[in-house]
Each structure stands twice: as C-alpha cells, then as structure tokens.
Amino acid sequence: MSGRRVDFGPVNRTGWQFYGWWGIVLPAFLVIWVTNALTLAGLNVFDAKLLAELGVERGPLKFGDTIQLLVSGALAPVGGWLADRYGVRPVMVAGVLLLSGGLYGYSFVDSLADVYLMRVLTGAALAGAGLVICVTIVSRWFVAKRGLALGLMLSGISLGNALIPQVNTALIAEHGWRDAFTIICLIPLLLLPVILFVIKEWPERVGMQAYGAEAARDGVDPKLLAGYEFGDALRSANFWLIGTAAFCTFYSILGLANNLFLHMSDLGFGPADAAKAYFPLFVMGLIGKIAAGAAADVLPRKAARSRPARRPTCCRARRCSAGAWH
C-alpha cells in the first residue's frame, strides 16, 4: 500500500448496510467460531474417550493443550508476516486446511505422540485462522465503531464454545469418537467459500473506505489510527498492562475450560450433561465481549498516535489488543 493513492470519497453505504458488517465481521465471526470452538471446548469433550483408549494419565494428555497454545503463540507472528506478504485470505485458507487435517488425523491416533502431533497442527491452524488474523482483517475495515465490530466478531469464540461441545458429544454418542472426528473435520472446509469469495483484503482495493474513514480527510491515513508500532508498544505501559491482564484472564479461563468436561465427569455427570456446562460459561463471555466492544467506542480513551510508517501484521500480532482496545 506504500505510495498508493487512496480515494476517501463517499463510496460506502452507511450504517448496518456497510459491507464491513456483513462481508467482513460476519465471515470473521464464522471463522473464529469454528477454529476456536473446534480446538478448545470442542476437543475437550473427547478427553474421556482418549484417556480410556490410550490408557494414559490425565496430565500427559492435557499437556497437548499446552503444546497447541505454544505452537499457536510461536507461529502467530509468522502468520502475520505471511498475511502482510500474501494476504489474509491465503493464510486463512491454510489455517482452515490445517485444522481439517488435524481433526481428521485425530481419528487415527493410538498414542500420546499422535495426539501431540495433532495438537501441533491445530495450533498452527489457530495461527493462520484464529484470533490475530481475524482481528487484523476487521480492524482494516473499521475506524469508527471498531470496538463494536471486534466485540461482535470475537463473540464467535464464545458462541462456538457454548454450542460445539454439545454437537460433538451427540456425534460421539451416535457414531463413536473416531468416526465423530471424520465428520467434524468437514466443518472447517465449509469456511473456504466464505474466505475466498466474501472476505476482501482492504476496503480501498474494492473502491470503498474504512467505516468512519471520513475522519481521515485532513490527511491522516486511517490505518495509522490502529495503534502503536511494535517498538513503541514495547515501550508503552499500556502494552504491558493490557498484556498482563490478558495473560491472567486467559490463563484462568482456559485453565477452567480445558478441564471442565473431565471435572464434570468426575462429579458423576454424563457426557451430554457435562458438555452443557460450557454453555453458561461462554454465553457470559459472549455478552461481555459485545458489551466491552460497544463500551470501548463511547468511553473516553487516549488518542491514537499517528506516524507515517507501515506496521506489519507480524508486529500487530503482538499488540493487536493494545491497538484495538487501549
């Protein structure tokens, strides 16, 4: 985009007719619904079957959760760099294919090593079609109402994790856990037409402008309002405060969610009832995400710093929350 003239003329529909709501936020909502639900709560409902089949202790099996998160975190900047170089859509497609392959591979596991390998694949899938990439594409399309747009998109994580465990439990009961994986692995593939034909990389490239880009008429590129450059973020107290808060929040939520199904089973609940325990947990998360996103648009915030320099997505991968919510 460097050196490319951008026309900020009146080419957009306004309000909820704006393409970004239904052509970007909604597809990203669907992508993050599937990718996060099938790698978090959607996988946890298989834990009891895997423990019985593999004859292993709970701790080594749940170490797979750690592997997935480590791989996802390590590859997120790589996914961001690839998105900058080749576009968001190819990276999303790769992530979706990796997720489908990883879930299909689960149907053949017969050792912990196999489980860990599948977790590497699902972790890589999250780096390609998970939080960072979805936040990136939505942020490109919104200057005004960005908080609400991100909140609506991120609510897909909560809605997916509230519902998918019950779907997967029903499939396990009906078809057995191995065959259930051969069915579930097809779900990510349904995202491919949406990614390829609905999601657009940049509004300017299709003759549009970001929502609220009229604020840029005085010569400020709206993409520069996204937040800090990576180096600036590392020197900012906001970055570390938000990062620490996110670490504590996600550590607590993931620690609970990753062990909830087995804990409910230990308490004597059957698989169907244990899966229902995810519903209130993640529905409250859904409400919180939308409310927090809407509040971020109206509550006082510090003005974003603007400098005429590009910030690659691989850097935004490490500060996407700071840019969107500070």
C-alpha atoms as a PDB file:
ATOM      1  CA  MET A   1       0.000   0.000   0.000  1.00  0.00           C
ATOM      2  CA  SER A   2       3.001   2.281   0.302  1.00  0.00           C
ATOM      3  CA  GLY A   3       2.923   5.104  -2.259  1.00  0.00           C
ATOM      4  CA  ARG A   4      -0.518   4.077  -3.465  1.00  0.00           C
ATOM      5  CA  ARG A   5      -3.112   6.798  -3.737  1.00  0.00           C
ATOM      6  CA  VAL A   6      -6.259   6.091  -1.739  1.00  0.00           C
ATOM      7  CA  ASP A   7      -9.545   7.762  -2.604  1.00  0.00           C
ATOM      8  CA  PHE A   8     -11.557   8.612   0.507  1.00  0.00           C
ATOM      9  CA  GLY A   9     -14.607   9.725  -1.464  1.00  0.00           C
ATOM     10  CA  PRO A  10     -18.193   8.870  -0.489  1.00  0.00           C
ATOM     11  CA  VAL A  11     -18.307   5.322  -1.877  1.00  0.00           C
ATOM     12  CA  ASN A  12     -19.726   3.409   1.113  1.00  0.00           C
ATOM     13  CA  ARG A  13     -23.185   2.559   2.211  1.00  0.00           C
ATOM     14  CA  THR A  14     -23.703   3.817   5.732  1.00  0.00           C
ATOM     15  CA  GLY A  15     -24.835   2.197   8.978  1.00  0.00           C
ATOM     16  CA  TRP A  16     -25.513  -1.537   9.002  1.00  0.00           C
ATOM     17  CA  GLN A  17     -25.602  -1.609   5.192  1.00  0.00           C
ATOM     18  CA  PHE A  18     -21.840  -1.062   5.152  1.00  0.00           C
ATOM     19  CA  TYR A  19     -20.084  -4.064   3.589  1.00  0.00           C
ATOM     20  CA  GLY A  20     -17.722  -4.395   6.533  1.00  0.00           C
ATOM     21  CA  TRP A  21     -20.525  -5.531   8.841  1.00  0.00           C
ATOM     22  CA  TRP A  22     -21.823  -8.443   6.794  1.00  0.00           C
ATOM     23  CA  GLY A  23     -18.897  -9.034   4.420  1.00  0.00           C
ATOM     24  CA  ILE A  24     -16.077  -8.843   6.991  1.00  0.00           C
ATOM     25  CA  VAL A  25     -17.350  -9.009  10.595  1.00  0.00           C
ATOM     26  CA  LEU A  26     -19.845 -11.816   9.922  1.00  0.00           C
ATOM     27  CA  PRO A  27     -17.401 -14.034   7.972  1.00  0.00           C
ATOM     28  CA  ALA A  28     -14.663 -13.428  10.562  1.00  0.00           C
ATOM     29  CA  PHE A  29     -17.228 -14.311  13.240  1.00  0.00           C
ATOM     30  CA  LEU A  30     -17.866 -17.627  11.477  1.00  0.00           C
ATOM     31  CA  VAL A  31     -14.162 -18.343  11.002  1.00  0.00           C
ATOM     32  CA  ILE A  32     -13.271 -17.710  14.622  1.00  0.00           C
ATOM     33  CA  TRP A  33     -16.387 -19.595  15.783  1.00  0.00           C
ATOM     34  CA  VAL A  34     -15.232 -22.739  14.002  1.00  0.00           C
ATOM     35  CA  THR A  35     -11.473 -22.532  14.527  1.00  0.00           C
ATOM     36  CA  ASN A  36     -11.601 -21.695  18.230  1.00  0.00           C
ATOM     37  CA  ALA A  37     -14.522 -23.923  19.207  1.00  0.00           C
ATOM     38  CA  LEU A  38     -13.107 -26.987  17.474  1.00  0.00           C
ATOM     39  CA  THR A  39      -9.715 -26.523  19.140  1.00  0.00           C
ATOM     40  CA  LEU A  40     -10.887 -25.643  22.664  1.00  0.00           C
ATOM     41  CA  ALA A  41     -14.119 -26.935  24.184  1.00  0.00           C
ATOM     42  CA  GLY A  42     -14.921 -28.953  21.077  1.00  0.00           C
ATOM     43  CA  LEU A  43     -11.795 -31.061  21.616  1.00  0.00           C
ATOM     44  CA  ASN A  44     -12.153 -31.324  25.374  1.00  0.00           C
ATOM     45  CA  VAL A  45     -15.273 -33.481  25.123  1.00  0.00           C
ATOM     46  CA  PHE A  46     -13.092 -36.199  23.569  1.00  0.00           C
ATOM     47  CA  ASP A  47     -10.762 -36.322  26.584  1.00  0.00           C
ATOM     48  CA  ALA A  48     -12.545 -39.128  28.440  1.00  0.00           C
ATOM     49  CA  LYS A  49     -12.569 -41.318  25.328  1.00  0.00           C
ATOM     50  CA  LEU A  50      -8.888 -40.643  24.645  1.00  0.00           C
ATOM     51  CA  LEU A  51      -7.923 -41.458  28.244  1.00  0.00           C
ATOM     52  CA  ALA A  52      -9.752 -44.777  28.025  1.00  0.00           C
ATOM     53  CA  GLU A  53      -8.420 -45.619  24.559  1.00  0.00           C
ATOM     54  CA  LEU A  54      -4.784 -44.696  25.152  1.00  0.00           C
ATOM     55  CA  GLY A  55      -4.570 -45.819  28.771  1.00  0.00           C
ATOM     56  CA  VAL A  56      -2.632 -42.719  29.848  1.00  0.00           C
ATOM     57  CA  GLU A  57      -2.828 -40.375  32.820  1.00  0.00           C
ATOM     58  CA  ARG A  58      -4.755 -37.138  32.628  1.00  0.00           C
ATOM     59  CA  GLY A  59      -1.708 -34.881  32.981  1.00  0.00           C
ATOM     60  CA  PRO A  60       0.189 -36.140  29.906  1.00  0.00           C
ATOM     61  CA  LEU A  61      -2.966 -35.991  27.784  1.00  0.00           C
ATOM     62  CA  LYS A  62      -3.763 -32.420  28.839  1.00  0.00           C
ATOM     63  CA  PHE A  63      -0.195 -31.406  28.059  1.00  0.00           C
ATOM     64  CA  GLY A  64      -1.469 -31.416  24.490  1.00  0.00           C
ATOM     65  CA  ASP A  65      -3.397 -28.235  25.342  1.00  0.00           C
ATOM     66  CA  THR A  66      -0.102 -26.581  26.254  1.00  0.00           C
ATOM     67  CA  ILE A  67       1.522 -27.727  23.025  1.00  0.00           C
ATOM     68  CA  GLN A  68      -1.316 -26.251  20.994  1.00  0.00           C
ATOM     69  CA  LEU A  69      -1.089 -22.884  22.734  1.00  0.00           C
ATOM     70  CA  LEU A  70       2.700 -22.738  22.459  1.00  0.00           C
ATOM     71  CA  VAL A  71       2.614 -23.537  18.744  1.00  0.00           C
ATOM     72  CA  SER A  72      -0.151 -21.017  18.128  1.00  0.00           C
ATOM     73  CA  GLY A  73       1.707 -18.295  20.018  1.00  0.00           C
ATOM     74  CA  ALA A  74       5.026 -19.015  18.345  1.00  0.00           C
ATOM     75  CA  LEU A  75       3.553 -19.046  14.837  1.00  0.00           C
ATOM     76  CA  ALA A  76       1.224 -16.045  15.226  1.00  0.00           C
ATOM     77  CA  PRO A  77       3.915 -13.534  14.107  1.00  0.00           C
ATOM     78  CA  VAL A  78       4.752 -15.836  11.186  1.00  0.00           C
ATOM     79  CA  GLY A  79       1.101 -15.927  10.196  1.00  0.00           C
ATOM     80  CA  GLY A  80       1.002 -12.144  10.443  1.00  0.00           C
ATOM     81  CA  TRP A  81       4.067 -11.775   8.229  1.00  0.00           C
ATOM     82  CA  LEU A  82       2.554 -14.117   5.649  1.00  0.00           C
ATOM     83  CA  ALA A  83      -0.703 -12.153   5.766  1.00  0.00           C
ATOM     84  CA  ASP A  84       1.233  -8.957   5.013  1.00  0.00           C
ATOM     85  CA  ARG A  85       3.151 -10.558   2.168  1.00  0.00           C
ATOM     86  CA  TYR A  86       0.494 -12.722   0.539  1.00  0.00           C
ATOM     87  CA  GLY A  87      -2.797 -11.505   2.013  1.00  0.00           C
ATOM     88  CA  VAL A  88      -5.129 -12.565   4.801  1.00  0.00           C
ATOM     89  CA  ARG A  89      -7.179 -14.960   2.714  1.00  0.00           C
ATOM     90  CA  PRO A  90      -4.353 -17.370   1.740  1.00  0.00           C
ATOM     91  CA  VAL A  91      -3.286 -17.535   5.383  1.00  0.00           C
ATOM     92  CA  MET A  92      -6.867 -18.217   6.476  1.00  0.00           C
ATOM     93  CA  VAL A  93      -7.207 -20.946   3.862  1.00  0.00           C
ATOM     94  CA  ALA A  94      -4.009 -22.591   5.083  1.00  0.00           C
ATOM     95  CA  GLY A  95      -5.257 -22.403   8.676  1.00  0.00           C
ATOM     96  CA  VAL A  96      -8.595 -23.969   7.788  1.00  0.00           C
ATOM     97  CA  LEU A  97      -6.931 -26.803   5.861  1.00  0.00           C
ATOM     98  CA  LEU A  98      -4.531 -27.479   8.728  1.00  0.00           C
ATOM     99  CA  LEU A  99      -7.455 -27.616  11.159  1.00  0.00           C
ATOM    100  CA  SER A 100      -9.386 -30.016   8.960  1.00  0.00           C
ATOM    101  CA  GLY A 101      -6.306 -32.211   8.570  1.00  0.00           C
ATOM    102  CA  GLY A 102      -5.555 -32.170  12.285  1.00  0.00           C
ATOM    103  CA  LEU A 103      -9.099 -33.161  13.225  1.00  0.00           C
ATOM    104  CA  TYR A 104      -9.128 -35.928  10.633  1.00  0.00           C
ATOM    105  CA  GLY A 105      -5.780 -37.157  11.950  1.00  0.00           C
ATOM    106  CA  TYR A 106      -7.321 -37.485  15.416  1.00  0.00           C
ATOM    107  CA  SER A 107      -9.460 -40.339  14.106  1.00  0.00           C
ATOM    108  CA  PHE A 108      -6.292 -42.433  13.732  1.00  0.00           C
ATOM    109  CA  VAL A 109      -4.400 -41.616  16.947  1.00  0.00           C
ATOM    110  CA  ASP A 110      -3.221 -44.546  19.027  1.00  0.00           C
ATOM    111  CA  SER A 111      -0.527 -42.924  21.185  1.00  0.00           C
ATOM    112  CA  LEU A 112       0.271 -39.713  23.021  1.00  0.00           C
ATOM    113  CA  ALA A 113       2.795 -38.859  20.321  1.00  0.00           C
ATOM    114  CA  ASP A 114      -0.035 -38.912  17.788  1.00  0.00           C
ATOM    115  CA  VAL A 115      -2.139 -36.628  19.974  1.00  0.00           C
ATOM    116  CA  TYR A 116       0.740 -34.186  20.355  1.00  0.00           C
ATOM    117  CA  LEU A 117       1.288 -34.123  16.594  1.00  0.00           C
ATOM    118  CA  MET A 118      -2.371 -33.313  16.011  1.00  0.00           C
ATOM    119  CA  ARG A 119      -2.085 -30.533  18.578  1.00  0.00           C
ATOM    120  CA  VAL A 120       0.822 -29.078  16.636  1.00  0.00           C
ATOM    121  CA  LEU A 121      -1.407 -28.988  13.549  1.00  0.00           C
ATOM    122  CA  THR A 122      -4.350 -27.414  15.371  1.00  0.00           C
ATOM    123  CA  GLY A 123      -2.020 -24.863  16.965  1.00  0.00           C
ATOM    124  CA  ALA A 124      -0.697 -23.923  13.536  1.00  0.00           C
ATOM    125  CA  ALA A 125      -4.287 -23.697  12.323  1.00  0.00           C
ATOM    126  CA  LEU A 126      -5.067 -21.133  15.025  1.00  0.00           C
ATOM    127  CA  ALA A 127      -2.082 -19.057  13.928  1.00  0.00           C
ATOM    128  CA  GLY A 128      -3.485 -18.982  10.399  1.00  0.00           C
ATOM    129  CA  ALA A 129      -7.213 -18.642  11.001  1.00  0.00           C
ATOM    130  CA  GLY A 130      -7.548 -17.618  14.628  1.00  0.00           C
ATOM    131  CA  LEU A 131      -7.630 -14.501  16.762  1.00  0.00           C
ATOM    132  CA  VAL A 132      -4.760 -12.467  15.299  1.00  0.00           C
ATOM    133  CA  ILE A 133      -5.771 -12.825  11.651  1.00  0.00           C
ATOM    134  CA  CYS A 134      -9.461 -12.167  12.344  1.00  0.00           C
ATOM    135  CA  VAL A 135      -8.680  -9.078  14.435  1.00  0.00           C
ATOM    136  CA  THR A 136      -6.409  -7.851  11.645  1.00  0.00           C
ATOM    137  CA  ILE A 137      -8.989  -8.089   8.868  1.00  0.00           C
ATOM    138  CA  VAL A 138     -11.773  -6.487  10.925  1.00  0.00           C
ATOM    139  CA  SER A 139      -9.501  -3.645  12.062  1.00  0.00           C
ATOM    140  CA  ARG A 140      -8.661  -2.819   8.443  1.00  0.00           C
ATOM    141  CA  TRP A 141     -12.316  -2.133   7.696  1.00  0.00           C
ATOM    142  CA  PHE A 142     -13.247  -0.034  10.733  1.00  0.00           C
ATOM    143  CA  VAL A 143     -12.029   3.251  12.166  1.00  0.00           C
ATOM    144  CA  ALA A 144     -15.275   4.265  13.852  1.00  0.00           C
ATOM    145  CA  LYS A 145     -17.197   1.506  15.664  1.00  0.00           C
ATOM    146  CA  ARG A 146     -14.073  -0.638  15.698  1.00  0.00           C
ATOM    147  CA  GLY A 147     -14.688  -1.744  19.266  1.00  0.00           C
ATOM    148  CA  LEU A 148     -18.217  -2.909  18.463  1.00  0.00           C
ATOM    149  CA  ALA A 149     -17.042  -4.634  15.275  1.00  0.00           C
ATOM    150  CA  LEU A 150     -14.307  -6.503  17.149  1.00  0.00           C
ATOM    151  CA  GLY A 151     -16.668  -7.357  20.005  1.00  0.00           C
ATOM    152  CA  LEU A 152     -19.214  -8.838  17.605  1.00  0.00           C
ATOM    153  CA  MET A 153     -16.547 -10.797  15.780  1.00  0.00           C
ATOM    154  CA  LEU A 154     -14.920 -12.081  18.974  1.00  0.00           C
ATOM    155  CA  SER A 155     -18.295 -13.204  20.305  1.00  0.00           C
ATOM    156  CA  GLY A 156     -17.955 -16.051  17.803  1.00  0.00           C
ATOM    157  CA  ILE A 157     -15.375 -17.609  20.130  1.00  0.00           C
ATOM    158  CA  SER A 158     -17.873 -17.678  22.975  1.00  0.00           C
ATOM    159  CA  LEU A 159     -20.881 -18.788  20.935  1.00  0.00           C
ATOM    160  CA  GLY A 160     -18.917 -21.575  19.286  1.00  0.00           C
ATOM    161  CA  ASN A 161     -17.554 -22.891  22.575  1.00  0.00           C
ATOM    162  CA  ALA A 162     -21.020 -22.718  24.120  1.00  0.00           C
ATOM    163  CA  LEU A 163     -22.616 -24.869  21.382  1.00  0.00           C
ATOM    164  CA  ILE A 164     -19.985 -27.054  19.680  1.00  0.00           C
ATOM    165  CA  PRO A 165     -19.285 -29.276  22.747  1.00  0.00           C
ATOM    166  CA  GLN A 166     -22.916 -30.402  22.746  1.00  0.00           C
ATOM    167  CA  VAL A 167     -22.816 -31.087  18.998  1.00  0.00           C
ATOM    168  CA  ASN A 168     -19.609 -33.087  19.314  1.00  0.00           C
ATOM    169  CA  THR A 169     -20.915 -35.056  22.299  1.00  0.00           C
ATOM    170  CA  ALA A 170     -24.005 -36.025  20.299  1.00  0.00           C
ATOM    171  CA  LEU A 171     -21.826 -37.141  17.382  1.00  0.00           C
ATOM    172  CA  ILE A 172     -19.665 -39.238  19.712  1.00  0.00           C
ATOM    173  CA  ALA A 173     -22.754 -40.909  21.175  1.00  0.00           C
ATOM    174  CA  GLU A 174     -24.167 -41.610  17.725  1.00  0.00           C
ATOM    175  CA  HIS A 175     -21.064 -42.602  15.754  1.00  0.00           C
ATOM    176  CA  GLY A 176     -18.253 -43.278  18.223  1.00  0.00           C
ATOM    177  CA  TRP A 177     -15.364 -40.908  18.859  1.00  0.00           C
ATOM    178  CA  ARG A 178     -13.185 -41.882  15.875  1.00  0.00           C
ATOM    179  CA  ASP A 179     -15.974 -41.560  13.324  1.00  0.00           C
ATOM    180  CA  ALA A 180     -17.091 -38.341  15.005  1.00  0.00           C
ATOM    181  CA  PHE A 181     -13.728 -36.816  14.096  1.00  0.00           C
ATOM    182  CA  THR A 182     -14.199 -37.814  10.439  1.00  0.00           C
ATOM    183  CA  ILE A 183     -17.436 -35.805  10.446  1.00  0.00           C
ATOM    184  CA  ILE A 184     -16.182 -32.831  12.442  1.00  0.00           C
ATOM    185  CA  CYS A 185     -13.152 -32.387  10.192  1.00  0.00           C
ATOM    186  CA  LEU A 186     -15.502 -31.394   7.353  1.00  0.00           C
ATOM    187  CA  ILE A 187     -16.851 -28.358   9.201  1.00  0.00           C
ATOM    188  CA  PRO A 188     -13.781 -26.124   8.624  1.00  0.00           C
ATOM    189  CA  LEU A 189     -13.957 -26.836   4.886  1.00  0.00           C
ATOM    190  CA  LEU A 190     -17.348 -25.096   4.771  1.00  0.00           C
ATOM    191  CA  LEU A 191     -15.492 -21.855   5.507  1.00  0.00           C
ATOM    192  CA  LEU A 192     -13.492 -21.936   2.280  1.00  0.00           C
ATOM    193  CA  PRO A 193     -16.134 -20.318   0.006  1.00  0.00           C
ATOM    194  CA  VAL A 194     -16.693 -17.581   2.588  1.00  0.00           C
ATOM    195  CA  ILE A 195     -12.974 -16.837   2.851  1.00  0.00           C
ATOM    196  CA  LEU A 196     -12.340 -16.925  -0.891  1.00  0.00           C
ATOM    197  CA  PHE A 197     -15.397 -15.103  -2.202  1.00  0.00           C
ATOM    198  CA  VAL A 198     -16.757 -12.885   0.584  1.00  0.00           C
ATOM    199  CA  ILE A 199     -13.816 -11.547   2.610  1.00  0.00           C
ATOM    200  CA  LYS A 200     -11.955  -8.659   0.956  1.00  0.00           C
ATOM    201  CA  GLU A 201      -8.432  -7.711   1.988  1.00  0.00           C
ATOM    202  CA  TRP A 202      -8.612  -3.884   2.094  1.00  0.00           C
ATOM    203  CA  PRO A 203     -11.637  -1.621   1.566  1.00  0.00           C
ATOM    204  CA  GLU A 204      -9.599   0.703  -0.665  1.00  0.00           C
ATOM    205  CA  ARG A 205      -8.803  -2.124  -3.073  1.00  0.00           C
ATOM    206  CA  VAL A 206     -12.503  -2.624  -3.826  1.00  0.00           C
ATOM    207  CA  GLY A 207     -13.359   1.060  -4.142  1.00  0.00           C
ATOM    208  CA  MET A 208     -14.529   1.541  -0.573  1.00  0.00           C
ATOM    209  CA  GLN A 209     -13.193   3.204   2.537  1.00  0.00           C
ATOM    210  CA  ALA A 210     -12.989   2.006   6.121  1.00  0.00           C
ATOM    211  CA  TYR A 211     -16.025   2.725   8.260  1.00  0.00           C
ATOM    212  CA  GLY A 212     -15.502   6.166   9.771  1.00  0.00           C
ATOM    213  CA  ALA A 213     -12.623   6.983   7.422  1.00  0.00           C
ATOM    214  CA  GLU A 214     -14.081  10.446   6.882  1.00  0.00           C
ATOM    215  CA  ALA A 215     -12.036  11.326   9.972  1.00  0.00           C
ATOM    216  CA  ALA A 216      -9.005  10.930   7.707  1.00  0.00           C
ATOM    217  CA  ARG A 217      -9.939  13.732   5.317  1.00  0.00           C
ATOM    218  CA  ASP A 218      -7.378  16.043   6.896  1.00  0.00           C
ATOM    219  CA  GLY A 219      -4.583  13.899   5.511  1.00  0.00           C
ATOM    220  CA  VAL A 220      -4.240  11.159   8.140  1.00  0.00           C
ATOM    221  CA  ASP A 221      -4.391   7.631   6.824  1.00  0.00           C
ATOM    222  CA  PRO A 222      -6.990   5.787   8.953  1.00  0.00           C
ATOM    223  CA  LYS A 223      -4.752   2.709   9.188  1.00  0.00           C
ATOM    224  CA  LEU A 224      -2.380   4.822  11.217  1.00  0.00           C
ATOM    225  CA  LEU A 225      -5.061   5.176  13.870  1.00  0.00           C
ATOM    226  CA  ALA A 226      -4.908   1.447  14.561  1.00  0.00           C
ATOM    227  CA  GLY A 227      -2.487   1.775  17.456  1.00  0.00           C
ATOM    228  CA  TYR A 228       1.239   1.672  18.156  1.00  0.00           C
ATOM    229  CA  GLU A 229       4.130   0.458  16.103  1.00  0.00           C
ATOM    230  CA  PHE A 230       5.652  -2.630  17.676  1.00  0.00           C
ATOM    231  CA  GLY A 231       8.690  -0.833  19.068  1.00  0.00           C
ATOM    232  CA  ASP A 232       6.517   1.924  20.527  1.00  0.00           C
ATOM    233  CA  ALA A 233       4.212  -0.671  22.066  1.00  0.00           C
ATOM    234  CA  LEU A 234       7.104  -2.360  23.871  1.00  0.00           C
ATOM    235  CA  ARG A 235       7.962   0.990  25.459  1.00  0.00           C
ATOM    236  CA  SER A 236       4.364   1.681  26.440  1.00  0.00           C
ATOM    237  CA  ALA A 237       2.946   0.937  29.881  1.00  0.00           C
ATOM    238  CA  ASN A 238      -0.417   0.277  28.194  1.00  0.00           C
ATOM    239  CA  PHE A 239       1.053  -2.633  26.245  1.00  0.00           C
ATOM    240  CA  TRP A 240       2.376  -4.384  29.335  1.00  0.00           C
ATOM    241  CA  LEU A 241      -0.689  -3.644  31.453  1.00  0.00           C
ATOM    242  CA  ILE A 242      -3.046  -4.997  28.807  1.00  0.00           C
ATOM    243  CA  GLY A 243      -0.751  -7.946  28.126  1.00  0.00           C
ATOM    244  CA  THR A 244      -0.601  -8.829  31.823  1.00  0.00           C
ATOM    245  CA  ALA A 245      -4.372  -8.528  32.170  1.00  0.00           C
ATOM    246  CA  ALA A 246      -4.880 -10.707  29.093  1.00  0.00           C
ATOM    247  CA  PHE A 247      -2.428 -13.311  30.415  1.00  0.00           C
ATOM    248  CA  CYS A 248      -4.203 -13.548  33.764  1.00  0.00           C
ATOM    249  CA  THR A 249      -7.659 -13.585  32.200  1.00  0.00           C
ATOM    250  CA  PHE A 250      -6.936 -16.202  29.553  1.00  0.00           C
ATOM    251  CA  TYR A 251      -4.874 -18.342  31.930  1.00  0.00           C
ATOM    252  CA  SER A 252      -7.858 -18.536  34.280  1.00  0.00           C
ATOM    253  CA  ILE A 253     -10.497 -19.098  31.595  1.00  0.00           C
ATOM    254  CA  LEU A 254      -8.501 -21.650  29.609  1.00  0.00           C
ATOM    255  CA  GLY A 255      -7.467 -23.472  32.765  1.00  0.00           C
ATOM    256  CA  LEU A 256     -11.140 -23.828  33.672  1.00  0.00           C
ATOM    257  CA  ALA A 257     -12.424 -24.609  30.189  1.00  0.00           C
ATOM    258  CA  ASN A 258      -9.740 -27.170  29.354  1.00  0.00           C
ATOM    259  CA  ASN A 259     -10.545 -29.222  32.455  1.00  0.00           C
ATOM    260  CA  LEU A 260     -14.269 -28.553  32.821  1.00  0.00           C
ATOM    261  CA  PHE A 261     -15.530 -31.605  30.936  1.00  0.00           C
ATOM    262  CA  LEU A 262     -13.408 -34.087  32.862  1.00  0.00           C
ATOM    263  CA  HIS A 263     -14.208 -32.354  36.150  1.00  0.00           C
ATOM    264  CA  MET A 264     -17.943 -32.589  35.481  1.00  0.00           C
ATOM    265  CA  SER A 265     -17.463 -36.246  34.571  1.00  0.00           C
ATOM    266  CA  ASP A 266     -15.646 -36.816  37.875  1.00  0.00           C
ATOM    267  CA  LEU A 267     -18.672 -35.327  39.640  1.00  0.00           C
ATOM    268  CA  GLY A 268     -20.869 -38.006  38.090  1.00  0.00           C
ATOM    269  CA  PHE A 269     -22.407 -36.142  35.150  1.00  0.00           C
ATOM    270  CA  GLY A 270     -22.871 -37.983  31.887  1.00  0.00           C
ATOM    271  CA  PRO A 271     -21.199 -36.720  28.679  1.00  0.00           C
ATOM    272  CA  ALA A 272     -24.246 -34.785  27.449  1.00  0.00           C
ATOM    273  CA  ASP A 273     -24.740 -33.004  30.773  1.00  0.00           C
ATOM    274  CA  ALA A 274     -21.003 -32.354  31.211  1.00  0.00           C
ATOM    275  CA  ALA A 275     -20.925 -30.689  27.774  1.00  0.00           C
ATOM    276  CA  LYS A 276     -23.774 -28.386  28.786  1.00  0.00           C
ATOM    277  CA  ALA A 277     -21.551 -26.861  31.477  1.00  0.00           C
ATOM    278  CA  TYR A 278     -19.763 -24.901  28.739  1.00  0.00           C
ATOM    279  CA  PHE A 279     -22.955 -23.056  27.787  1.00  0.00           C
ATOM    280  CA  PRO A 280     -23.315 -20.646  30.745  1.00  0.00           C
ATOM    281  CA  LEU A 281     -19.554 -20.094  30.921  1.00  0.00           C
ATOM    282  CA  PHE A 282     -19.200 -18.979  27.319  1.00  0.00           C
ATOM    283  CA  VAL A 283     -22.564 -17.250  26.952  1.00  0.00           C
ATOM    284  CA  MET A 284     -21.483 -14.856  29.681  1.00  0.00           C
ATOM    285  CA  GLY A 285     -18.270 -14.376  27.722  1.00  0.00           C
ATOM    286  CA  LEU A 286     -20.304 -13.564  24.616  1.00  0.00           C
ATOM    287  CA  ILE A 287     -22.274 -10.892  26.471  1.00  0.00           C
ATOM    288  CA  GLY A 288     -19.085  -9.472  27.941  1.00  0.00           C
ATOM    289  CA  LYS A 289     -17.293  -9.243  24.580  1.00  0.00           C
ATOM    290  CA  ILE A 290     -20.104  -7.375  22.855  1.00  0.00           C
ATOM    291  CA  ALA A 291     -20.679  -5.062  25.819  1.00  0.00           C
ATOM    292  CA  ALA A 292     -16.979  -4.311  26.208  1.00  0.00           C
ATOM    293  CA  GLY A 293     -16.598  -3.673  22.484  1.00  0.00           C
ATOM    294  CA  ALA A 294     -19.505  -1.246  22.420  1.00  0.00           C
ATOM    295  CA  ALA A 295     -18.227   0.485  25.562  1.00  0.00           C
ATOM    296  CA  ALA A 296     -14.774   0.907  24.011  1.00  0.00           C
ATOM    297  CA  ASP A 297     -16.339   3.075  21.304  1.00  0.00           C
ATOM    298  CA  VAL A 298     -18.015   5.502  23.719  1.00  0.00           C
ATOM    299  CA  LEU A 299     -15.860   5.623  26.856  1.00  0.00           C
ATOM    300  CA  PRO A 300     -13.000   8.163  26.911  1.00  0.00           C
ATOM    301  CA  ARG A 301      -9.731   6.790  25.533  1.00  0.00           C
ATOM    302  CA  LYS A 302      -6.357   8.258  24.789  1.00  0.00           C
ATOM    303  CA  ALA A 303      -5.916   9.477  21.219  1.00  0.00           C
ATOM    304  CA  ALA A 304      -4.090   7.066  18.986  1.00  0.00           C
ATOM    305  CA  ARG A 305      -0.594   8.051  17.980  1.00  0.00           C
ATOM    306  CA  SER A 306      -0.133   8.539  14.239  1.00  0.00           C
ATOM    307  CA  ARG A 307       3.104   8.374  12.280  1.00  0.00           C
ATOM    308  CA  PRO A 308       3.559   7.842   8.541  1.00  0.00           C
ATOM    309  CA  ALA A 309       5.061   4.366   8.699  1.00  0.00           C
ATOM    310  CA  ARG A 310       3.771   0.911   7.922  1.00  0.00           C
ATOM    311  CA  ARG A 311       3.223  -1.579  10.732  1.00  0.00           C
ATOM    312  CA  PRO A 312       3.372  -5.175   9.515  1.00  0.00           C
ATOM    313  CA  THR A 313       0.801  -7.639  10.771  1.00  0.00           C
ATOM    314  CA  CYS A 314       3.550  -9.772  12.321  1.00  0.00           C
ATOM    315  CA  CYS A 315       4.060  -6.865  14.734  1.00  0.00           C
ATOM    316  CA  ARG A 316       0.343  -6.323  15.177  1.00  0.00           C
ATOM    317  CA  ALA A 317       0.140  -9.982  16.182  1.00  0.00           C
ATOM    318  CA  ARG A 318       1.881  -8.983  19.409  1.00  0.00           C
ATOM    319  CA  ARG A 319      -0.116  -5.878  20.102  1.00  0.00           C
ATOM    320  CA  CYS A 320      -3.475  -6.333  18.383  1.00  0.00           C
ATOM    321  CA  SER A 321      -5.310  -5.906  21.679  1.00  0.00           C
ATOM    322  CA  ALA A 322      -3.369  -2.778  22.537  1.00  0.00           C
ATOM    323  CA  GLY A 323      -4.220  -1.189  19.211  1.00  0.00           C
ATOM    324  CA  ALA A 324      -7.864  -2.103  19.351  1.00  0.00           C
ATOM    325  CA  TRP A 325      -8.763  -1.566  22.985  1.00  0.00           C
ATOM    326  CA  HIS A 326      -6.333   0.848  24.610  1.00  0.00           C
END
